[in-house]
Amino acid sequence: MNFNSFGETFFSEGTHFFPKNISEEQCYENAKKDAIKNIMNKAGYSYLSNRENLICAEVKGNDICEYFKDVQISYDNGFLKSKEFSNRQIINEGLINRKCKIFLKATLEKYKDNHDPNYILNAELNHNVYRDGEKIIINGEINLPSKIYIFYLNNKNEVATLLFPNKFENKINFSGKFVFPANNNYDLVANFPLNHNKDTILENIIIISTKSNKGNFKVIDKEPFISILSRLNELGRDKWRKLHLNYLILRE
């Protein structure tokens, strides 16, 4: 792995084994994550292994496991402000240790402050695995008066869609335990995408809390997740918490 830095711009490469049972695109997606991890580690942004998750489910009589490692929120001291992948390569073609390789140019932004260790956000889903059409329920707890926002994060384009607040439920101030949805006016439903070519898909929900007495945090219906991270950094890291929940949806 090569690593060079010039100011805030960093260069790295990522690799992943390329066995016959995964596609070339899957290999490169994993290599991208490896390149990002290499940059974040070398920059001292503390890769957090406890953000990784292995979810298993039974599909058509077979146990299928999905390994998830989020590339945006699994780091402690900063985040990727921009990234550019290039020069895709297959190495060791025809050998048992065949790999794919990709190069990355990225700009990093360091968080300005430290988290408040006494500010605690916890949450969990009612299931880790859902069938198409099943309801998603979020139960959580916050130890200080806070405003809470919930987003769906698209893995491919890294766009965050606001799930809460919404037109059915707009109370954002909470203290202690909370549940979403909090009323019977709407449901959060696991929907398997029609154009997905696998029997499972891994999806992500992001919960953000901000201290109620520390000003407003503005959100919109849909925007790049990087924009949210940038605004959180401006707000001050001791004033917010962010939690990532991932879940598996089965085709049937």
Protein backbone atom coordinates (compact mmCIF):
# COMPACT_ATOMS: atom_id res chain seq x y z
CA MET A 1 0.00 0.00 0.00
CA ASN A 2 1.36 3.37 -1.01
CA PHE A 3 0.51 6.50 0.93
CA ASN A 4 1.41 10.10 0.33
CA SER A 5 -0.06 13.34 1.63
CA PHE A 6 0.04 16.91 0.41
CA GLY A 7 -1.80 19.22 2.80
CA GLU A 8 -5.35 17.92 3.13
CA THR A 9 -5.20 15.72 0.01
CA PHE A 10 -4.22 12.08 0.43
CA PHE A 11 -3.40 9.28 -2.00
CA SER A 12 -3.80 5.57 -1.36
CA GLU A 13 -4.70 2.27 -2.97
CA GLY A 14 -6.99 -0.55 -1.95
CA THR A 15 -7.10 -4.24 -2.85
CA HIS A 16 -9.45 -7.15 -2.37
CA PHE A 17 -9.27 -10.84 -3.18
CA PHE A 18 -11.19 -11.68 -6.35
CA PRO A 19 -12.48 -15.27 -6.11
CA LYS A 20 -14.80 -16.73 -8.73
CA ASN A 21 -17.91 -16.42 -6.56
CA ILE A 22 -18.02 -12.59 -6.59
CA SER A 23 -18.41 -10.18 -9.48
CA GLU A 24 -15.76 -7.75 -10.64
CA GLU A 25 -17.90 -4.82 -9.45
CA GLN A 26 -18.26 -6.38 -5.99
CA CYS A 27 -14.49 -6.80 -5.82
CA TYR A 28 -13.90 -3.15 -6.69
CA GLU A 29 -16.48 -1.97 -4.16
CA ASN A 30 -14.58 -3.85 -1.45
CA ALA A 31 -11.26 -2.50 -2.75
CA LYS A 32 -12.66 1.05 -2.47
CA LYS A 33 -13.47 0.45 1.19
CA ASP A 34 -9.95 -0.87 1.74
CA ALA A 35 -8.44 2.25 0.12
CA ILE A 36 -10.56 4.51 2.33
CA LYS A 37 -9.60 2.54 5.46
CA ASN A 38 -5.91 2.88 4.54
CA ILE A 39 -6.19 6.66 4.17
CA MET A 40 -8.14 7.11 7.39
CA ASN A 41 -5.77 4.92 9.38
CA LYS A 42 -2.66 6.68 8.11
CA ALA A 43 -4.22 10.09 8.75
CA GLY A 44 -4.78 9.09 12.37
CA TYR A 45 -8.56 9.17 12.11
CA SER A 46 -8.98 6.06 14.24
CA TYR A 47 -10.80 3.32 12.39
CA LEU A 48 -13.43 1.85 14.72
CA SER A 49 -13.78 -1.90 14.24
CA ASN A 50 -16.85 -2.03 16.50
CA ARG A 51 -18.79 -0.26 13.74
CA GLU A 52 -18.46 -3.38 11.59
CA ASN A 53 -21.29 -5.87 11.51
CA LEU A 54 -21.92 -9.37 10.20
CA ILE A 55 -25.58 -10.14 9.58
CA CYS A 56 -26.70 -13.65 8.69
CA ALA A 57 -30.05 -14.90 7.44
CA GLU A 58 -31.53 -18.02 5.86
CA VAL A 59 -32.47 -17.60 2.20
CA LYS A 60 -33.89 -20.54 0.23
CA GLY A 61 -32.52 -23.00 2.77
CA ASN A 62 -29.02 -21.54 2.75
CA ASP A 63 -27.31 -19.42 5.37
CA ILE A 64 -26.24 -16.14 3.75
CA CYS A 65 -24.11 -13.61 5.59
CA GLU A 66 -23.48 -10.00 4.62
CA TYR A 67 -20.44 -8.21 6.00
CA PHE A 68 -20.94 -4.48 6.36
CA LYS A 69 -18.33 -1.81 6.94
CA ASP A 70 -19.52 1.76 6.48
CA VAL A 71 -16.95 4.01 4.83
CA GLN A 72 -18.26 7.36 6.01
CA ILE A 73 -19.16 6.99 9.66
CA SER A 74 -16.79 4.32 10.94
CA TYR A 75 -14.08 6.82 11.83
CA ASP A 76 -13.57 8.81 14.99
CA ASN A 77 -11.55 11.95 14.29
CA GLY A 78 -12.67 13.13 10.85
CA PHE A 79 -14.35 12.28 7.58
CA LEU A 80 -13.85 12.18 3.83
CA LYS A 81 -14.78 15.50 2.29
CA SER A 82 -14.22 14.34 -1.28
CA LYS A 83 -12.85 11.26 -3.03
CA GLU A 84 -11.88 10.23 -6.54
CA PHE A 85 -11.20 6.61 -7.55
CA SER A 86 -9.13 5.69 -10.61
CA ASN A 87 -6.87 3.13 -12.30
CA ARG A 88 -8.76 -0.10 -11.70
CA GLN A 89 -6.53 -3.16 -12.09
CA ILE A 90 -6.75 -6.95 -11.84
CA ILE A 91 -3.55 -8.46 -10.46
CA ASN A 92 -2.42 -12.11 -10.31
CA GLU A 93 -4.88 -13.03 -13.07
CA GLY A 94 -5.26 -16.81 -13.38
CA LEU A 95 -3.84 -17.47 -9.91
CA ILE A 96 -5.58 -18.49 -6.70
CA ASN A 97 -4.61 -15.18 -5.08
CA ARG A 98 -6.17 -13.02 -7.82
CA LYS A 99 -7.02 -9.51 -6.57
CA CYS A 100 -8.51 -6.28 -7.80
CA LYS A 101 -6.83 -2.97 -7.05
CA ILE A 102 -8.00 0.63 -7.17
CA PHE A 103 -6.38 4.00 -6.45
CA LEU A 104 -7.88 6.80 -4.39
CA LYS A 105 -7.34 10.54 -4.14
CA ALA A 106 -9.21 12.04 -1.18
CA THR A 107 -9.59 15.22 0.82
CA LEU A 108 -10.10 14.82 4.56
CA GLU A 109 -11.68 17.12 7.11
CA LYS A 110 -10.78 16.79 10.77
CA TYR A 111 -13.42 17.30 13.44
CA LYS A 112 -12.75 20.54 15.28
CA ASP A 113 -13.64 19.32 18.78
CA ASN A 114 -13.93 16.17 20.87
CA HIS A 115 -17.17 14.38 21.69
CA ASP A 116 -18.75 15.01 25.08
CA PRO A 117 -18.21 11.64 26.85
CA ASN A 118 -21.22 12.32 29.07
CA TYR A 119 -23.57 12.74 26.10
CA ILE A 120 -24.99 9.31 25.25
CA LEU A 121 -27.22 8.14 22.39
CA ASN A 122 -28.33 4.51 22.12
CA ALA A 123 -30.75 2.94 19.64
CA GLU A 124 -31.60 -0.41 18.05
CA LEU A 125 -33.93 -1.82 15.42
CA ASN A 126 -36.70 -4.29 16.15
CA HIS A 127 -34.92 -6.77 13.81
CA ASN A 128 -31.57 -7.14 12.07
CA VAL A 129 -33.18 -9.00 9.14
CA TYR A 130 -36.46 -8.07 7.42
CA ARG A 131 -38.66 -9.63 4.78
CA ASP A 132 -39.90 -7.38 2.01
CA GLY A 133 -42.81 -5.33 3.37
CA GLU A 134 -42.09 -5.80 7.08
CA LYS A 135 -42.25 -2.83 9.44
CA ILE A 136 -39.09 -1.21 10.84
CA ILE A 137 -39.27 0.13 14.40
CA ILE A 138 -36.50 2.06 16.14
CA ASN A 139 -36.21 2.09 19.94
CA GLY A 140 -33.67 4.34 21.60
CA GLU A 141 -32.65 6.48 24.54
CA ILE A 142 -30.90 9.82 24.92
CA ASN A 143 -29.58 11.00 28.29
CA LEU A 144 -29.80 14.78 27.71
CA PRO A 145 -32.59 16.94 26.22
CA SER A 146 -31.96 16.68 22.47
CA LYS A 147 -33.31 17.12 18.99
CA ILE A 148 -33.35 13.90 17.00
CA TYR A 149 -33.13 13.41 13.23
CA ILE A 150 -33.28 10.11 11.33
CA PHE A 151 -31.99 9.50 7.80
CA TYR A 152 -31.90 6.67 5.29
CA LEU A 153 -28.43 6.50 3.76
CA ASN A 154 -28.08 5.24 0.18
CA ASN A 155 -24.90 3.14 0.00
CA LYS A 156 -24.24 3.76 -3.68
CA ASN A 157 -24.55 7.53 -4.03
CA GLU A 158 -24.13 8.41 -0.32
CA VAL A 159 -27.25 10.57 -0.35
CA ALA A 160 -29.18 10.90 2.93
CA THR A 161 -32.98 10.99 2.83
CA LEU A 162 -34.74 12.47 5.86
CA LEU A 163 -37.10 9.97 7.52
CA PHE A 164 -37.82 11.98 10.65
CA PRO A 165 -39.15 14.61 11.24
CA ASN A 166 -41.85 14.21 8.61
CA LYS A 167 -45.36 15.41 7.79
CA PHE A 168 -46.89 12.77 10.08
CA GLU A 169 -44.60 13.38 13.05
CA ASN A 170 -42.70 16.61 13.66
CA LYS A 171 -41.82 16.62 17.35
CA ILE A 172 -38.03 16.64 17.45
CA ASN A 173 -37.28 17.36 21.13
CA PHE A 174 -36.67 14.29 23.28
CA SER A 175 -35.18 13.26 26.61
CA GLY A 176 -34.96 9.67 27.83
CA LYS A 177 -36.51 6.82 25.83
CA PHE A 178 -37.98 7.25 22.35
CA VAL A 179 -39.54 5.11 19.63
CA PHE A 180 -40.07 5.66 15.89
CA PRO A 181 -42.64 5.67 14.46
CA ALA A 182 -44.25 7.15 17.57
CA ASN A 183 -47.82 7.09 16.25
CA ASN A 184 -50.06 5.05 13.93
CA ASN A 185 -50.21 7.62 11.15
CA TYR A 186 -47.36 6.05 9.15
CA ASP A 187 -44.98 3.09 8.98
CA LEU A 188 -41.31 2.62 8.13
CA VAL A 189 -41.32 -0.36 5.75
CA ALA A 190 -38.47 -2.51 4.45
CA ASN A 191 -38.76 -2.54 0.65
CA PHE A 192 -36.61 -4.83 -1.48
CA PRO A 193 -35.55 -2.96 -4.66
CA LEU A 194 -36.90 -4.45 -7.88
CA ASN A 195 -33.66 -3.99 -9.83
CA HIS A 196 -31.37 -5.65 -7.25
CA ASN A 197 -29.80 -8.85 -8.62
CA LYS A 198 -29.07 -10.58 -5.30
CA ASP A 199 -31.40 -12.24 -2.80
CA THR A 200 -30.38 -9.87 -0.01
CA ILE A 201 -29.56 -6.21 0.33
CA LEU A 202 -27.97 -4.34 3.21
CA GLU A 203 -29.39 -0.90 4.05
CA ASN A 204 -28.54 1.84 6.54
CA ILE A 205 -30.26 4.23 8.90
CA ILE A 206 -28.45 7.14 10.53
CA ILE A 207 -29.66 8.73 13.78
CA ILE A 208 -28.30 12.15 14.72
CA SER A 209 -28.96 13.90 18.01
CA THR A 210 -28.04 17.49 18.90
CA LYS A 211 -28.24 19.07 22.33
CA SER A 212 -31.46 21.09 22.61
CA ASN A 213 -29.78 24.09 24.24
CA LYS A 214 -27.00 24.41 21.63
CA GLY A 215 -28.79 26.07 18.72
CA ASN A 216 -30.50 24.72 15.61
CA PHE A 217 -29.20 22.09 13.23
CA LYS A 218 -30.82 22.53 9.82
CA VAL A 219 -31.83 19.52 7.73
CA ILE A 220 -33.46 19.09 4.32
CA ASP A 221 -35.35 16.22 2.73
CA LYS A 222 -32.46 14.89 0.63
CA GLU A 223 -28.79 15.82 0.38
CA PRO A 224 -25.29 14.30 0.21
CA PHE A 225 -24.33 12.85 3.58
CA ILE A 226 -21.04 14.73 3.39
CA SER A 227 -23.02 17.99 3.69
CA ILE A 228 -24.55 16.80 6.94
CA LEU A 229 -21.14 15.87 8.33
CA SER A 230 -19.76 19.29 7.40
CA ARG A 231 -22.61 21.08 9.21
CA LEU A 232 -22.16 18.87 12.26
CA ASN A 233 -18.49 19.84 12.31
CA GLU A 234 -19.44 23.51 12.24
CA LEU A 235 -21.93 22.97 15.05
CA GLY A 236 -19.20 21.56 17.30
CA ARG A 237 -18.54 17.91 18.00
CA ASP A 238 -19.37 18.16 21.70
CA LYS A 239 -22.94 19.17 20.78
CA TRP A 240 -23.98 16.08 18.76
CA ARG A 241 -23.99 12.32 18.54
CA LYS A 242 -24.36 10.07 15.51
CA LEU A 243 -25.42 6.44 15.42
CA HIS A 244 -25.43 4.02 12.52
CA LEU A 245 -27.91 1.12 12.26
CA ASN A 246 -27.69 -1.41 9.42
CA TYR A 247 -30.12 -4.15 8.50
CA LEU A 248 -30.65 -6.85 5.89
CA ILE A 249 -33.71 -7.16 3.61
CA LEU A 250 -34.56 -10.50 2.02
CA ARG A 251 -36.11 -10.78 -1.42
CA GLU A 252 -38.72 -13.23 -0.18
